[in-house]
C-alpha atoms as a PDB file:
ATOM      1  CA  UNK A   1      -1.254 232.708-102.858  1.00  0.00           C
ATOM      2  CA  UNK A   2       1.147 234.799-100.824  1.00  0.00           C
ATOM      3  CA  UNK A   3       4.837 233.705-101.029  1.00  0.00           C
ATOM      4  CA  UNK A   4       7.313 235.622 -98.879  1.00  0.00           C
ATOM      5  CA  UNK A   5      10.839 236.494 -99.804  1.00  0.00           C
ATOM      6  CA  UNK A   6      12.460 233.458 -97.954  1.00  0.00           C
ATOM      7  CA  UNK A   7      10.053 231.057 -99.788  1.00  0.00           C
ATOM      8  CA  UNK A   8      10.999 232.682-103.075  1.00  0.00           C
ATOM      9  CA  UNK A   9      14.650 232.383-102.361  1.00  0.00           C
ATOM     10  CA  UNK A  10      14.244 228.722-101.417  1.00  0.00           C
ATOM     11  CA  UNK A  11      12.316 227.944-104.485  1.00  0.00           C
ATOM     12  CA  UNK A  12      14.859 229.675-106.838  1.00  0.00           C
ATOM     13  CA  UNK A  13      17.668 227.838-105.018  1.00  0.00           C
ATOM     14  CA  UNK A  14      15.805 224.429-105.402  1.00  0.00           C
ATOM     15  CA  UNK A  15      15.283 225.213-109.183  1.00  0.00           C
ATOM     16  CA  UNK A  16      18.966 225.936-109.786  1.00  0.00           C
ATOM     17  CA  UNK A  17      20.031 222.795-107.685  1.00  0.00           C
ATOM     18  CA  UNK A  18      17.378 220.627-109.330  1.00  0.00           C
ATOM     19  CA  UNK A  19      19.076 221.501-112.800  1.00  0.00           C
ATOM     20  CA  UNK A  20      22.593 221.187-111.333  1.00  0.00           C
ATOM     21  CA  UNK A  21      21.604 217.636-110.046  1.00  0.00           C
ATOM     22  CA  UNK A  22      21.623 216.465-113.552  1.00  0.00           C
ATOM     23  CA  UNK A  23      25.336 217.229-113.849  1.00  0.00           C
ATOM     24  CA  UNK A  24      26.457 216.392-110.334  1.00  0.00           C
ATOM     25  CA  UNK A  25      25.684 213.906-107.758  1.00  0.00           C
ATOM     26  CA  UNK A  26      23.478 216.055-105.508  1.00  0.00           C
ATOM     27  CA  UNK A  27      20.105 215.736-103.724  1.00  0.00           C
ATOM     28  CA  UNK A  28      17.732 218.538-103.460  1.00  0.00           C
ATOM     29  CA  UNK A  29      16.151 218.396 -99.986  1.00  0.00           C
ATOM     30  CA  UNK A  30      12.894 219.969 -99.160  1.00  0.00           C
ATOM     31  CA  UNK A  31      12.691 222.662 -96.644  1.00  0.00           C
ATOM     32  CA  UNK A  32      11.198 222.392 -93.162  1.00  0.00           C
ATOM     33  CA  UNK A  33       7.460 222.756 -94.036  1.00  0.00           C
ATOM     34  CA  UNK A  34       6.648 223.740 -90.586  1.00  0.00           C
ATOM     35  CA  UNK A  35       8.728 226.844 -91.291  1.00  0.00           C
ATOM     36  CA  UNK A  36       7.524 227.338 -94.811  1.00  0.00           C
ATOM     37  CA  UNK A  37       4.046 225.990 -95.169  1.00  0.00           C
ATOM     38  CA  UNK A  38       3.214 227.699 -98.354  1.00  0.00           C
ATOM     39  CA  UNK A  39       5.905 225.400-100.127  1.00  0.00           C
ATOM     40  CA  UNK A  40       3.891 222.325 -99.030  1.00  0.00           C
ATOM     41  CA  UNK A  41       0.696 223.541-100.774  1.00  0.00           C
ATOM     42  CA  UNK A  42      -0.375 222.135-103.924  1.00  0.00           C
ATOM     43  CA  UNK A  43       0.006 224.838-106.879  1.00  0.00           C
ATOM     44  CA  UNK A  44       0.684 224.955-110.395  1.00  0.00           C
ATOM     45  CA  UNK A  45       3.982 226.471-111.421  1.00  0.00           C
ATOM     46  CA  UNK A  46       6.100 227.199-114.392  1.00  0.00           C
ATOM     47  CA  UNK A  47       9.883 227.660-114.577  1.00  0.00           C
ATOM     48  CA  UNK A  48      11.177 229.918-117.359  1.00  0.00           C
ATOM     49  CA  UNK A  49      14.911 229.924-118.200  1.00  0.00           C
ATOM     50  CA  UNK A  50      16.574 232.801-120.174  1.00  0.00           C
ATOM     51  CA  UNK A  51      20.145 233.336-121.210  1.00  0.00           C
ATOM     52  CA  UNK A  52      20.803 237.010-122.015  1.00  0.00           C
ATOM     53  CA  UNK A  53      17.202 237.714-121.842  1.00  0.00           C
ATOM     54  CA  UNK A  54      16.433 235.095-124.623  1.00  0.00           C
ATOM     55  CA  UNK A  55      14.102 232.340-123.815  1.00  0.00           C
ATOM     56  CA  UNK A  56      16.076 228.956-123.195  1.00  0.00           C
ATOM     57  CA  UNK A  57      13.216 226.859-121.818  1.00  0.00           C
ATOM     58  CA  UNK A  58       9.751 227.026-120.191  1.00  0.00           C
ATOM     59  CA  UNK A  59       7.732 224.189-118.832  1.00  0.00           C
ATOM     60  CA  UNK A  60       5.443 223.909-115.931  1.00  0.00           C
ATOM     61  CA  UNK A  61       2.038 222.525-114.492  1.00  0.00           C
ATOM     62  CA  UNK A  62      -1.372 224.433-114.586  1.00  0.00           C
ATOM     63  CA  UNK A  63      -2.312 222.348-111.498  1.00  0.00           C
ATOM     64  CA  UNK A  64      -0.217 219.954-109.451  1.00  0.00           C
ATOM     65  CA  UNK A  65      -0.871 217.213-106.848  1.00  0.00           C
ATOM     66  CA  UNK A  66       2.609 217.442-105.626  1.00  0.00           C
ATOM     67  CA  UNK A  67       3.953 220.190-103.183  1.00  0.00           C
ATOM     68  CA  UNK A  68       4.854 223.513-104.722  1.00  0.00           C
ATOM     69  CA  UNK A  69       8.545 222.825-103.800  1.00  0.00           C
ATOM     70  CA  UNK A  70       8.472 219.526-105.715  1.00  0.00           C
ATOM     71  CA  UNK A  71       6.591 221.113-108.623  1.00  0.00           C
ATOM     72  CA  UNK A  72       9.127 223.715-108.997  1.00  0.00           C
ATOM     73  CA  UNK A  73      12.080 221.172-108.771  1.00  0.00           C
ATOM     74  CA  UNK A  74      10.380 218.982-111.490  1.00  0.00           C
ATOM     75  CA  UNK A  75       9.448 221.889-113.743  1.00  0.00           C
ATOM     76  CA  UNK A  76      13.003 223.120-113.543  1.00  0.00           C
ATOM     77  CA  UNK A  77      14.495 219.995-114.874  1.00  0.00           C
ATOM     78  CA  UNK A  78      11.812 219.914-117.510  1.00  0.00           C
ATOM     79  CA  UNK A  79      12.562 223.286-118.729  1.00  0.00           C
ATOM     80  CA  UNK A  80      16.187 222.772-118.828  1.00  0.00           C
ATOM     81  CA  UNK A  81      16.157 219.314-120.621  1.00  0.00           C
ATOM     82  CA  UNK A  82      12.660 218.603-122.225  1.00  0.00           C
ATOM     83  CA  UNK A  83      11.361 221.712-123.691  1.00  0.00           C
ATOM     84  CA  UNK A  84      10.933 220.419-127.338  1.00  0.00           C
ATOM     85  CA  UNK A  85      11.742 224.008-128.631  1.00  0.00           C
ATOM     86  CA  UNK A  86      15.373 223.707-127.555  1.00  0.00           C
ATOM     87  CA  UNK A  87      18.228 221.352-127.092  1.00  0.00           C
ATOM     88  CA  UNK A  88      18.848 220.120-123.668  1.00  0.00           C
ATOM     89  CA  UNK A  89      20.745 222.600-121.530  1.00  0.00           C
ATOM     90  CA  UNK A  90      24.526 222.023-121.337  1.00  0.00           C
ATOM     91  CA  UNK A  91      26.427 222.180-118.193  1.00  0.00           C
ATOM     92  CA  UNK A  92      28.413 225.214-119.275  1.00  0.00           C
ATOM     93  CA  UNK A  93      25.174 227.219-119.799  1.00  0.00           C
ATOM     94  CA  UNK A  94      23.923 226.634-116.243  1.00  0.00           C
ATOM     95  CA  UNK A  95      26.012 229.574-114.842  1.00  0.00           C
ATOM     96  CA  UNK A  96      24.495 231.858-117.693  1.00  0.00           C
ATOM     97  CA  UNK A  97      20.960 230.945-116.958  1.00  0.00           C
ATOM     98  CA  UNK A  98      18.388 233.275-115.284  1.00  0.00           C
ATOM     99  CA  UNK A  99      15.689 231.424-113.485  1.00  0.00           C
ATOM    100  CA  UNK A 100      12.021 232.783-113.336  1.00  0.00           C
ATOM    101  CA  UNK A 101       9.225 230.996-111.318  1.00  0.00           C
ATOM    102  CA  UNK A 102       5.625 231.812-111.946  1.00  0.00           C
ATOM    103  CA  UNK A 103       3.266 230.194-109.174  1.00  0.00           C
ATOM    104  CA  UNK A 104      -0.214 229.883-110.611  1.00  0.00           C
ATOM    105  CA  UNK A 105      -3.645 230.541-109.118  1.00  0.00           C
ATOM    106  CA  UNK A 106      -6.497 228.146-109.804  1.00  0.00           C
ATOM    107  CA  UNK A 107      -7.828 228.759-113.374  1.00  0.00           C
ATOM    108  CA  UNK A 108     -11.142 230.558-113.735  1.00  0.00           C
ATOM    109  CA  UNK A 109     -13.158 229.986-116.914  1.00  0.00           C
ATOM    110  CA  UNK A 110     -14.463 233.272-118.413  1.00  0.00           C
ATOM    111  CA  UNK A 111     -17.400 234.086-120.677  1.00  0.00           C
ATOM    112  CA  UNK A 112     -16.205 237.173-122.254  1.00  0.00           C
ATOM    113  CA  UNK A 113     -12.973 238.654-123.633  1.00  0.00           C
ATOM    114  CA  UNK A 114     -13.641 241.822-121.688  1.00  0.00           C
ATOM    115  CA  UNK A 115     -12.918 239.937-118.570  1.00  0.00           C
ATOM    116  CA  UNK A 116      -9.074 239.439-119.381  1.00  0.00           C
ATOM    117  CA  UNK A 117      -6.853 241.962-117.702  1.00  0.00           C
ATOM    118  CA  UNK A 118      -3.655 242.288-119.632  1.00  0.00           C
ATOM    119  CA  UNK A 119      -0.599 241.750-117.526  1.00  0.00           C
ATOM    120  CA  UNK A 120      -2.475 240.414-114.748  1.00  0.00           C
ATOM    121  CA  UNK A 121      -4.159 237.404-116.380  1.00  0.00           C
ATOM    122  CA  UNK A 122      -2.465 234.492-118.143  1.00  0.00           C
ATOM    123  CA  UNK A 123      -4.618 232.533-120.608  1.00  0.00           C
ATOM    124  CA  UNK A 124      -5.441 228.923-121.168  1.00  0.00           C
ATOM    125  CA  UNK A 125      -7.305 227.946-124.101  1.00  0.00           C
ATOM    126  CA  UNK A 126      -8.949 224.473-124.646  1.00  0.00           C
ATOM    127  CA  UNK A 127     -10.575 223.902-128.158  1.00  0.00           C
ATOM    128  CA  UNK A 128     -10.874 220.824-130.525  1.00  0.00           C
ATOM    129  CA  UNK A 129      -8.649 218.648-128.242  1.00  0.00           C
ATOM    130  CA  UNK A 130      -5.902 221.317-128.238  1.00  0.00           C
ATOM    131  CA  UNK A 131      -4.526 223.240-125.294  1.00  0.00           C
ATOM    132  CA  UNK A 132      -2.278 226.252-125.039  1.00  0.00           C
ATOM    133  CA  UNK A 133      -1.093 228.375-122.073  1.00  0.00           C
ATOM    134  CA  UNK A 134       0.364 232.014-121.977  1.00  0.00           C
ATOM    135  CA  UNK A 135       1.675 233.314-118.748  1.00  0.00           C
ATOM    136  CA  UNK A 136       0.576 236.714-117.655  1.00  0.00           C
ATOM    137  CA  UNK A 137       3.972 238.298-118.345  1.00  0.00           C
ATOM    138  CA  UNK A 138       3.757 237.550-121.994  1.00  0.00           C
ATOM    139  CA  UNK A 139       1.336 240.210-122.828  1.00  0.00           C
ATOM    140  CA  UNK A 140       3.447 242.696-120.766  1.00  0.00           C
ATOM    141  CA  UNK A 141       6.916 241.554-121.926  1.00  0.00           C
ATOM    142  CA  UNK A 142       5.756 241.723-125.613  1.00  0.00           C
ATOM    143  CA  UNK A 143       3.548 244.859-125.281  1.00  0.00           C
ATOM    144  CA  UNK A 144       0.563 242.922-126.638  1.00  0.00           C
ATOM    145  CA  UNK A 145      -3.013 244.368-127.254  1.00  0.00           C
ATOM    146  CA  UNK A 146      -5.861 242.279-126.170  1.00  0.00           C
ATOM    147  CA  UNK A 147      -6.359 241.277-129.730  1.00  0.00           C
ATOM    148  CA  UNK A 148      -2.735 240.175-130.163  1.00  0.00           C
ATOM    149  CA  UNK A 149      -2.898 238.152-126.865  1.00  0.00           C
ATOM    150  CA  UNK A 150      -5.837 236.363-128.116  1.00  0.00           C
ATOM    151  CA  UNK A 151      -4.266 235.667-131.326  1.00  0.00           C
ATOM    152  CA  UNK A 152      -1.168 234.388-129.613  1.00  0.00           C
ATOM    153  CA  UNK A 153      -3.075 232.146-127.476  1.00  0.00           C
ATOM    154  CA  UNK A 154      -4.755 230.529-130.600  1.00  0.00           C
ATOM    155  CA  UNK A 155      -1.343 230.205-132.252  1.00  0.00           C
ATOM    156  CA  UNK A 156       0.069 228.449-129.074  1.00  0.00           C
ATOM    157  CA  UNK A 157      -2.608 225.841-129.261  1.00  0.00           C
ATOM    158  CA  UNK A 158      -1.985 225.342-132.818  1.00  0.00           C
ATOM    159  CA  UNK A 159      -5.436 226.632-133.890  1.00  0.00           C
ATOM    160  CA  UNK A 160      -6.378 229.071-136.462  1.00  0.00           C
ATOM    161  CA  UNK A 161      -4.967 232.510-135.371  1.00  0.00           C
ATOM    162  CA  UNK A 162      -8.354 234.235-135.819  1.00  0.00           C
ATOM    163  CA  UNK A 163     -10.502 231.531-134.163  1.00  0.00           C
ATOM    164  CA  UNK A 164     -11.181 234.040-131.364  1.00  0.00           C
ATOM    165  CA  UNK A 165     -12.842 236.326-133.833  1.00  0.00           C
ATOM    166  CA  UNK A 166     -15.247 233.988-135.240  1.00  0.00           C
ATOM    167  CA  UNK A 167     -16.591 232.408-131.923  1.00  0.00           C
ATOM    168  CA  UNK A 168     -16.235 232.836-128.182  1.00  0.00           C
ATOM    169  CA  UNK A 169     -13.300 230.369-127.527  1.00  0.00           C
ATOM    170  CA  UNK A 170     -13.087 228.332-124.374  1.00  0.00           C
ATOM    171  CA  UNK A 171     -10.761 230.498-122.222  1.00  0.00           C
ATOM    172  CA  UNK A 172      -9.747 230.348-118.629  1.00  0.00           C
ATOM    173  CA  UNK A 173      -7.641 233.037-116.864  1.00  0.00           C
ATOM    174  CA  UNK A 174      -5.312 232.831-113.964  1.00  0.00           C
ATOM    175  CA  UNK A 175      -2.963 235.111-112.103  1.00  0.00           C
ATOM    176  CA  UNK A 176       0.580 234.297-111.008  1.00  0.00           C
ATOM    177  CA  UNK A 177       3.093 235.215-108.324  1.00  0.00           C
ATOM    178  CA  UNK A 178       6.181 235.766-110.490  1.00  0.00           C
ATOM    179  CA  UNK A 179       9.772 236.152-109.291  1.00  0.00           C
ATOM    180  CA  UNK A 180      13.258 235.672-110.631  1.00  0.00           C
ATOM    181  CA  UNK A 181      16.889 235.507-109.690  1.00  0.00           C
ATOM    182  CA  UNK A 182      18.501 238.937-109.371  1.00  0.00           C
ATOM    183  CA  UNK A 183      21.094 240.067-111.864  1.00  0.00           C
ATOM    184  CA  UNK A 184      24.643 240.537-110.352  1.00  0.00           C
ATOM    185  CA  UNK A 185      24.357 244.284-111.115  1.00  0.00           C
ATOM    186  CA  UNK A 186      21.073 244.436-109.125  1.00  0.00           C
ATOM    187  CA  UNK A 187      22.810 242.756-106.134  1.00  0.00           C
ATOM    188  CA  UNK A 188      25.704 245.369-106.111  1.00  0.00           C
ATOM    189  CA  UNK A 189      25.281 248.211-103.569  1.00  0.00           C
END
């Protein structure tokens, strides 16, 4: 999926406003879909929140029956207030949060670990009624080898970390369009 700069800015603004709406009486209105048709498409998306480069929440949807705009708005609130790894976001943290959005392609089942392209593919594992997902940027940000990435996806699904070594696990890959808010120093001319 192609997402232009205007659409990225609309989604980032909507993500921030969606979180802000939990603290203030405000409604996040959808854009004019005739001008921005990509935002009306059904697509999975994840919203990642960071404070000082530290993870503060990350939740999303692999696929969605809602519009991309609605999916991002919902995932933003979920990441801010429902990620079980963190306490709900406080209002004073909102100005410190940097928002990153990952718009996902449709997952494709793979038959060999050799099909995985580090930094390009995210992984979804489905084994023994467990499921886990790692976004494509996880391998790159953490400088993971393929073996480390496979171990991490097993751990994410709370499976034995070396399960991938003993059998071909049920994996799908996906790509993502990834974009985030600019740091203030990035904006300065």
